[in-house]
Protein backbone atom coordinates (compact mmCIF):
# COMPACT_ATOMS: atom_id res chain seq x y z
CA UNK A 1 13.15 -90.24 89.67
CA UNK A 2 9.54 -90.86 89.19
CA UNK A 3 9.15 -91.41 92.97
CA UNK A 4 10.59 -88.02 93.77
CA UNK A 5 7.96 -86.39 91.20
CA UNK A 6 5.11 -88.28 92.93
CA UNK A 7 6.50 -87.60 96.47
CA UNK A 8 6.62 -83.78 95.50
CA UNK A 9 3.14 -83.67 94.05
CA UNK A 10 1.52 -85.68 97.11
CA UNK A 11 3.25 -83.27 99.71
CA UNK A 12 3.26 -80.24 97.43
CA UNK A 13 -0.60 -79.89 96.81
CA UNK A 14 -1.69 -79.94 100.43
CA UNK A 15 1.20 -77.50 101.33
CA UNK A 16 0.15 -75.19 98.41
CA UNK A 17 -3.54 -75.40 99.55
CA UNK A 18 -2.50 -74.72 103.20
CA UNK A 19 -0.37 -71.65 101.95
CA UNK A 20 -3.33 -70.43 99.83
CA UNK A 21 -5.64 -70.73 102.73
CA UNK A 22 -3.28 -68.74 105.10
CA UNK A 23 -2.71 -65.93 102.46
CA UNK A 24 -6.57 -65.62 101.91
CA UNK A 25 -7.51 -65.77 105.74
CA UNK A 26 -4.82 -63.30 107.10
CA UNK A 27 -5.71 -59.93 108.46
CA UNK A 28 -5.44 -56.74 106.39
CA UNK A 29 -3.85 -53.51 107.52
CA UNK A 30 -7.18 -52.50 109.13
CA UNK A 31 -7.55 -55.64 111.29
CA UNK A 32 -10.43 -57.06 109.12
CA UNK A 33 -10.16 -60.68 108.18
CA UNK A 34 -10.68 -61.75 104.66
CA UNK A 35 -13.60 -64.04 103.91
CA UNK A 36 -12.31 -65.83 100.82
CA UNK A 37 -11.17 -68.78 102.82
CA UNK A 38 -14.63 -69.44 103.72
CA UNK A 39 -15.58 -69.73 100.11
CA UNK A 40 -12.78 -72.24 99.58
CA UNK A 41 -14.15 -74.31 102.40
CA UNK A 42 -17.59 -74.05 101.20
CA UNK A 43 -16.77 -75.88 98.12
CA UNK A 44 -15.48 -78.80 100.11
CA UNK A 45 -18.54 -78.90 102.47
CA UNK A 46 -20.80 -78.80 99.50
CA UNK A 47 -19.01 -81.93 98.08
CA UNK A 48 -18.04 -83.93 100.97
CA UNK A 49 -20.36 -82.68 103.82
CA UNK A 50 -23.65 -81.68 102.19
CA UNK A 51 -25.56 -81.47 105.56
CA UNK A 52 -22.90 -78.99 106.77
CA UNK A 53 -23.21 -76.87 103.61
CA UNK A 54 -27.13 -76.78 103.79
CA UNK A 55 -26.87 -75.65 107.56
CA UNK A 56 -24.57 -72.86 106.59
CA UNK A 57 -26.99 -71.88 103.96
CA UNK A 58 -29.75 -71.88 106.38
CA UNK A 59 -27.75 -69.76 108.71
CA UNK A 60 -27.09 -67.24 106.04
CA UNK A 61 -30.59 -66.81 105.13
CA UNK A 62 -31.60 -66.49 108.69
CA UNK A 63 -29.01 -63.88 109.33
CA UNK A 64 -30.35 -61.78 106.36
CA UNK A 65 -33.90 -61.87 107.50
CA UNK A 66 -34.99 -58.65 109.20
CA UNK A 67 -35.71 -58.85 113.03
CA UNK A 68 -39.49 -59.05 113.86
CA UNK A 69 -41.30 -56.02 114.83
CA UNK A 70 -42.04 -55.63 118.46
CA UNK A 71 -45.48 -56.53 119.70
CA UNK A 72 -47.70 -53.60 120.51
CA UNK A 73 -48.04 -52.57 124.15
CA UNK A 74 -51.48 -53.25 125.62
CA UNK A 75 -53.51 -50.33 126.39
CA UNK A 76 -54.83 -49.90 129.95
């Protein structure tokens, strides 16, 4: 009986995480995807792949920066 409990835990946890990821990433009625799955994956990136997490943070900061002002046109 103990082997069944261990087997259920080993196979059940990934299945539960996959179901949770699917539920959070599905589209809403208006066709907008939910962004909660990215938060869950961000935690894993921070722990297991710190370079990827840092790259995502840099991309987020660069996306929030305003566009540079256009250069003035030279006078003739």
